[in-house]
Amino acid sequence: MNRIILITIFGILTLRSIHCITNGECDTVTAQENIDQFFTGTWYVTHSKVGARASLCDQFETSSQDGTKYIKYSFDEGSYGTHCEGKPSNKDNPYPYDCKIESSQKNFPAGFTVVSIDSNYALVYKCAKSLSFPTDDYLVLNRQKNTEIPEEVENKLSSLGLVSSSFTSSKSECTQS
């Protein structure tokens, strides 16, 4: 009986940190144009709407070659456990990604929408269907670790009906070097 109670409590706490998409569809978010600078180099997740450690503590390595966009990300710095590849398809969904978890060789579809970007930050909407249920999150990425949310991102969040105070900072959740 005690095991059942403990398993139930653990399940509730686990699901609390994952934002499940209730209607099975990703949010419709308008992508910023001219996002080539996103696909160069390393980005650190500094803030997350959902606040799950698995997203919040990620580091992204992005690149582009011959029209194909590459996103690698992982919880562990330097060892990118998830590899995603995207090719342009249409105006409504510019880059659907095919992703693979390297350790299990499990493939899943994902969407990464760059909502706002400059040379130092990016606001990205991530929607993945890697589990039996889809999940999504808004991520603030920066070229530097442990930074605050830039004013430009706060303005964009406001236009999306979101507030920066509801985002979790990686400073409080991640042990970063």
C-alpha atoms as a PDB file:
ATOM      1  CA  MET A   1       0.000   0.000   0.000  1.00  0.00           C
ATOM      2  CA  ASN A   2       2.820   2.387   0.890  1.00  0.00           C
ATOM      3  CA  ARG A   3       4.481   1.652  -2.457  1.00  0.00           C
ATOM      4  CA  ILE A   4       1.324   2.577  -4.338  1.00  0.00           C
ATOM      5  CA  ILE A   5       1.080   5.871  -2.470  1.00  0.00           C
ATOM      6  CA  LEU A   6       4.765   6.642  -3.104  1.00  0.00           C
ATOM      7  CA  ILE A   7       4.471   5.784  -6.809  1.00  0.00           C
ATOM      8  CA  THR A   8       1.380   7.976  -7.115  1.00  0.00           C
ATOM      9  CA  ILE A   9       3.091  10.917  -5.413  1.00  0.00           C
ATOM     10  CA  PHE A  10       6.211  10.464  -7.570  1.00  0.00           C
ATOM     11  CA  GLY A  11       4.075  10.384 -10.727  1.00  0.00           C
ATOM     12  CA  ILE A  12       2.263  13.582  -9.769  1.00  0.00           C
ATOM     13  CA  LEU A  13       5.518  15.395  -9.005  1.00  0.00           C
ATOM     14  CA  THR A  14       7.073  14.204 -12.268  1.00  0.00           C
ATOM     15  CA  LEU A  15       4.137  15.349 -14.392  1.00  0.00           C
ATOM     16  CA  ARG A  16       4.096  18.681 -12.575  1.00  0.00           C
ATOM     17  CA  SER A  17       7.381  19.612 -14.256  1.00  0.00           C
ATOM     18  CA  ILE A  18       6.264  18.619 -17.765  1.00  0.00           C
ATOM     19  CA  HIS A  19       3.844  20.735 -19.752  1.00  0.00           C
ATOM     20  CA  CYS A  20       1.642  18.366 -21.715  1.00  0.00           C
ATOM     21  CA  ILE A  21      -0.195  19.640 -24.743  1.00  0.00           C
ATOM     22  CA  THR A  22      -3.825  18.865 -24.032  1.00  0.00           C
ATOM     23  CA  ASN A  23      -5.213  19.125 -27.566  1.00  0.00           C
ATOM     24  CA  GLY A  24      -2.329  17.236 -29.193  1.00  0.00           C
ATOM     25  CA  GLU A  25      -1.193  20.259 -31.201  1.00  0.00           C
ATOM     26  CA  CYS A  26       1.657  22.712 -30.809  1.00  0.00           C
ATOM     27  CA  ASP A  27       0.952  26.406 -30.304  1.00  0.00           C
ATOM     28  CA  THR A  28       0.779  28.483 -33.455  1.00  0.00           C
ATOM     29  CA  VAL A  29       3.658  30.919 -33.023  1.00  0.00           C
ATOM     30  CA  THR A  30       4.928  33.337 -35.650  1.00  0.00           C
ATOM     31  CA  ALA A  31       8.590  32.848 -36.458  1.00  0.00           C
ATOM     32  CA  GLN A  32      10.903  35.807 -36.856  1.00  0.00           C
ATOM     33  CA  GLU A  33      12.378  36.120 -40.330  1.00  0.00           C
ATOM     34  CA  ASN A  34      16.110  36.198 -41.062  1.00  0.00           C
ATOM     35  CA  ILE A  35      17.168  33.826 -38.306  1.00  0.00           C
ATOM     36  CA  ASP A  36      20.420  32.607 -39.877  1.00  0.00           C
ATOM     37  CA  GLN A  37      22.399  33.870 -36.872  1.00  0.00           C
ATOM     38  CA  PHE A  38      20.547  31.343 -34.704  1.00  0.00           C
ATOM     39  CA  PHE A  39      22.212  28.518 -36.606  1.00  0.00           C
ATOM     40  CA  THR A  40      25.759  29.444 -35.620  1.00  0.00           C
ATOM     41  CA  GLY A  41      27.432  28.247 -32.465  1.00  0.00           C
ATOM     42  CA  THR A  42      26.476  27.575 -28.891  1.00  0.00           C
ATOM     43  CA  TRP A  43      23.389  28.747 -26.986  1.00  0.00           C
ATOM     44  CA  TYR A  44      22.586  28.257 -23.304  1.00  0.00           C
ATOM     45  CA  VAL A  45      19.040  27.953 -21.972  1.00  0.00           C
ATOM     46  CA  THR A  46      18.821  30.674 -19.321  1.00  0.00           C
ATOM     47  CA  HIS A  47      15.050  30.637 -18.681  1.00  0.00           C
ATOM     48  CA  SER A  48      12.167  28.244 -19.282  1.00  0.00           C
ATOM     49  CA  LYS A  49       8.406  28.716 -19.070  1.00  0.00           C
ATOM     50  CA  VAL A  50       7.883  25.143 -17.870  1.00  0.00           C
ATOM     51  CA  GLY A  51      11.009  25.086 -15.719  1.00  0.00           C
ATOM     52  CA  ALA A  52      11.749  21.374 -16.104  1.00  0.00           C
ATOM     53  CA  ARG A  53      15.411  20.672 -15.439  1.00  0.00           C
ATOM     54  CA  ALA A  54      15.689  18.615 -18.645  1.00  0.00           C
ATOM     55  CA  SER A  55      14.948  21.725 -20.746  1.00  0.00           C
ATOM     56  CA  LEU A  56      16.195  24.435 -18.437  1.00  0.00           C
ATOM     57  CA  CYS A  57      19.720  23.078 -18.142  1.00  0.00           C
ATOM     58  CA  ASP A  58      20.188  22.321 -21.837  1.00  0.00           C
ATOM     59  CA  GLN A  59      22.953  23.640 -24.016  1.00  0.00           C
ATOM     60  CA  PHE A  60      22.272  23.947 -27.760  1.00  0.00           C
ATOM     61  CA  GLU A  61      24.773  23.657 -30.604  1.00  0.00           C
ATOM     62  CA  THR A  62      23.297  24.910 -33.882  1.00  0.00           C
ATOM     63  CA  SER A  63      24.528  24.951 -37.459  1.00  0.00           C
ATOM     64  CA  SER A  64      23.372  25.112 -41.064  1.00  0.00           C
ATOM     65  CA  GLN A  65      24.670  23.459 -44.211  1.00  0.00           C
ATOM     66  CA  ASP A  66      23.191  23.455 -47.723  1.00  0.00           C
ATOM     67  CA  GLY A  67      19.766  24.597 -46.480  1.00  0.00           C
ATOM     68  CA  THR A  68      19.540  21.952 -43.759  1.00  0.00           C
ATOM     69  CA  LYS A  69      19.391  23.216 -40.173  1.00  0.00           C
ATOM     70  CA  TYR A  70      20.966  21.253 -37.340  1.00  0.00           C
ATOM     71  CA  ILE A  71      20.199  21.524 -33.634  1.00  0.00           C
ATOM     72  CA  LYS A  72      21.979  19.397 -31.062  1.00  0.00           C
ATOM     73  CA  TYR A  73      21.112  19.746 -27.415  1.00  0.00           C
ATOM     74  CA  SER A  74      21.781  18.024 -24.165  1.00  0.00           C
ATOM     75  CA  PHE A  75      21.604  18.276 -20.446  1.00  0.00           C
ATOM     76  CA  ASP A  76      25.344  17.562 -20.222  1.00  0.00           C
ATOM     77  CA  GLU A  77      27.606  20.306 -21.502  1.00  0.00           C
ATOM     78  CA  GLY A  78      29.583  19.221 -24.534  1.00  0.00           C
ATOM     79  CA  SER A  79      27.895  15.839 -25.070  1.00  0.00           C
ATOM     80  CA  TYR A  80      24.865  16.486 -27.219  1.00  0.00           C
ATOM     81  CA  GLY A  81      22.416  13.656 -26.541  1.00  0.00           C
ATOM     82  CA  THR A  82      19.677  14.768 -28.940  1.00  0.00           C
ATOM     83  CA  HIS A  83      20.354  15.530 -32.591  1.00  0.00           C
ATOM     84  CA  CYS A  84      17.739  17.248 -34.776  1.00  0.00           C
ATOM     85  CA  GLU A  85      17.776  17.922 -38.501  1.00  0.00           C
ATOM     86  CA  GLY A  86      15.366  20.250 -40.287  1.00  0.00           C
ATOM     87  CA  LYS A  87      14.731  21.116 -43.909  1.00  0.00           C
ATOM     88  CA  PRO A  88      12.524  23.940 -45.183  1.00  0.00           C
ATOM     89  CA  SER A  89       9.035  22.741 -46.051  1.00  0.00           C
ATOM     90  CA  ASN A  90       6.473  25.521 -46.276  1.00  0.00           C
ATOM     91  CA  LYS A  91       5.660  29.001 -44.993  1.00  0.00           C
ATOM     92  CA  ASP A  92       3.362  27.771 -42.193  1.00  0.00           C
ATOM     93  CA  ASN A  93       5.917  25.378 -40.747  1.00  0.00           C
ATOM     94  CA  PRO A  94       9.348  26.535 -41.926  1.00  0.00           C
ATOM     95  CA  TYR A  95      11.454  23.826 -40.294  1.00  0.00           C
ATOM     96  CA  PRO A  96       9.941  20.621 -38.976  1.00  0.00           C
ATOM     97  CA  TYR A  97      12.732  18.618 -37.358  1.00  0.00           C
ATOM     98  CA  ASP A  98      13.482  14.936 -37.222  1.00  0.00           C
ATOM     99  CA  CYS A  99      15.216  14.307 -33.907  1.00  0.00           C
ATOM    100  CA  LYS A 100      17.022  11.322 -32.473  1.00  0.00           C
ATOM    101  CA  ILE A 101      17.981  10.575 -28.880  1.00  0.00           C
ATOM    102  CA  GLU A 102      21.490   9.211 -29.327  1.00  0.00           C
ATOM    103  CA  SER A 103      21.519   6.869 -26.306  1.00  0.00           C
ATOM    104  CA  SER A 104      18.359   4.992 -27.295  1.00  0.00           C
ATOM    105  CA  GLN A 105      18.332   5.690 -31.051  1.00  0.00           C
ATOM    106  CA  LYS A 106      14.688   6.755 -30.584  1.00  0.00           C
ATOM    107  CA  ASN A 107      13.401   9.113 -33.280  1.00  0.00           C
ATOM    108  CA  PHE A 108      10.744  11.760 -32.743  1.00  0.00           C
ATOM    109  CA  PRO A 109       9.374  14.826 -34.533  1.00  0.00           C
ATOM    110  CA  ALA A 110       9.903  18.278 -33.034  1.00  0.00           C
ATOM    111  CA  GLY A 111       9.314  21.894 -33.869  1.00  0.00           C
ATOM    112  CA  PHE A 112      11.632  24.753 -32.970  1.00  0.00           C
ATOM    113  CA  THR A 113      10.275  28.216 -33.731  1.00  0.00           C
ATOM    114  CA  VAL A 114      12.663  31.133 -33.295  1.00  0.00           C
ATOM    115  CA  VAL A 115      10.221  33.790 -32.119  1.00  0.00           C
ATOM    116  CA  SER A 116      12.748  36.569 -31.519  1.00  0.00           C
ATOM    117  CA  ILE A 117      16.512  36.830 -31.918  1.00  0.00           C
ATOM    118  CA  ASP A 118      19.508  39.115 -31.948  1.00  0.00           C
ATOM    119  CA  SER A 119      23.223  38.313 -31.785  1.00  0.00           C
ATOM    120  CA  ASN A 120      23.121  37.502 -28.039  1.00  0.00           C
ATOM    121  CA  TYR A 121      19.699  36.025 -27.275  1.00  0.00           C
ATOM    122  CA  ALA A 122      16.917  33.961 -28.814  1.00  0.00           C
ATOM    123  CA  LEU A 123      13.359  33.233 -27.714  1.00  0.00           C
ATOM    124  CA  VAL A 124      12.464  29.761 -28.971  1.00  0.00           C
ATOM    125  CA  TYR A 125       9.214  27.807 -28.824  1.00  0.00           C
ATOM    126  CA  LYS A 126       9.977  24.079 -28.676  1.00  0.00           C
ATOM    127  CA  CYS A 127       7.307  21.455 -29.263  1.00  0.00           C
ATOM    128  CA  ALA A 128       8.342  17.795 -29.187  1.00  0.00           C
ATOM    129  CA  LYS A 129       6.417  14.580 -29.546  1.00  0.00           C
ATOM    130  CA  SER A 130       9.107  12.308 -28.150  1.00  0.00           C
ATOM    131  CA  LEU A 131       6.987  10.535 -25.570  1.00  0.00           C
ATOM    132  CA  SER A 132       3.514   9.097 -25.647  1.00  0.00           C
ATOM    133  CA  PHE A 133       2.310  12.664 -25.174  1.00  0.00           C
ATOM    134  CA  PRO A 134       3.593  15.865 -26.784  1.00  0.00           C
ATOM    135  CA  THR A 135       5.305  18.541 -24.681  1.00  0.00           C
ATOM    136  CA  ASP A 136       6.139  22.168 -25.315  1.00  0.00           C
ATOM    137  CA  ASP A 137       8.060  25.014 -23.736  1.00  0.00           C
ATOM    138  CA  TYR A 138       9.199  28.565 -24.343  1.00  0.00           C
ATOM    139  CA  LEU A 139      12.966  28.858 -23.886  1.00  0.00           C
ATOM    140  CA  VAL A 140      15.132  31.943 -23.541  1.00  0.00           C
ATOM    141  CA  LEU A 141      18.566  31.169 -24.958  1.00  0.00           C
ATOM    142  CA  ASN A 142      21.672  33.281 -24.629  1.00  0.00           C
ATOM    143  CA  ARG A 143      25.270  33.131 -25.838  1.00  0.00           C
ATOM    144  CA  GLN A 144      26.340  33.529 -22.191  1.00  0.00           C
ATOM    145  CA  LYS A 145      25.324  31.432 -19.180  1.00  0.00           C
ATOM    146  CA  ASN A 146      23.403  32.839 -16.218  1.00  0.00           C
ATOM    147  CA  THR A 147      22.030  35.998 -17.803  1.00  0.00           C
ATOM    148  CA  GLU A 148      18.789  37.820 -17.144  1.00  0.00           C
ATOM    149  CA  ILE A 149      15.927  38.000 -19.638  1.00  0.00           C
ATOM    150  CA  PRO A 150      16.669  40.844 -22.074  1.00  0.00           C
ATOM    151  CA  GLU A 151      14.132  43.667 -22.378  1.00  0.00           C
ATOM    152  CA  GLU A 152      13.470  42.729 -26.015  1.00  0.00           C
ATOM    153  CA  VAL A 153      12.431  39.234 -24.914  1.00  0.00           C
ATOM    154  CA  GLU A 154      10.233  40.622 -22.133  1.00  0.00           C
ATOM    155  CA  ASN A 155       8.436  42.754 -24.735  1.00  0.00           C
ATOM    156  CA  LYS A 156       7.983  39.754 -27.035  1.00  0.00           C
ATOM    157  CA  LEU A 157       6.709  37.601 -24.166  1.00  0.00           C
ATOM    158  CA  SER A 158       4.169  40.289 -23.345  1.00  0.00           C
ATOM    159  CA  SER A 159       2.924  40.263 -26.947  1.00  0.00           C
ATOM    160  CA  LEU A 160       2.450  36.480 -26.604  1.00  0.00           C
ATOM    161  CA  GLY A 161       0.453  36.887 -23.389  1.00  0.00           C
ATOM    162  CA  LEU A 162       3.330  35.590 -21.243  1.00  0.00           C
ATOM    163  CA  VAL A 163       5.186  37.283 -18.397  1.00  0.00           C
ATOM    164  CA  SER A 164       8.871  36.854 -17.641  1.00  0.00           C
ATOM    165  CA  SER A 165       8.213  36.485 -13.912  1.00  0.00           C
ATOM    166  CA  SER A 166       6.559  33.118 -14.638  1.00  0.00           C
ATOM    167  CA  PHE A 167       9.792  31.770 -16.188  1.00  0.00           C
ATOM    168  CA  THR A 168      12.298  29.738 -14.182  1.00  0.00           C
ATOM    169  CA  SER A 169      15.944  30.789 -14.297  1.00  0.00           C
ATOM    170  CA  SER A 170      18.729  28.287 -14.894  1.00  0.00           C
ATOM    171  CA  LYS A 171      20.683  30.102 -12.162  1.00  0.00           C
ATOM    172  CA  SER A 172      18.424  28.576  -9.532  1.00  0.00           C
ATOM    173  CA  GLU A 173      18.051  25.118 -11.075  1.00  0.00           C
ATOM    174  CA  CYS A 174      21.299  24.150 -12.828  1.00  0.00           C
ATOM    175  CA  THR A 175      24.818  23.551 -11.673  1.00  0.00           C
ATOM    176  CA  GLN A 176      26.835  25.075 -14.476  1.00  0.00           C
ATOM    177  CA  SER A 177      30.530  25.567 -14.824  1.00  0.00           C
END
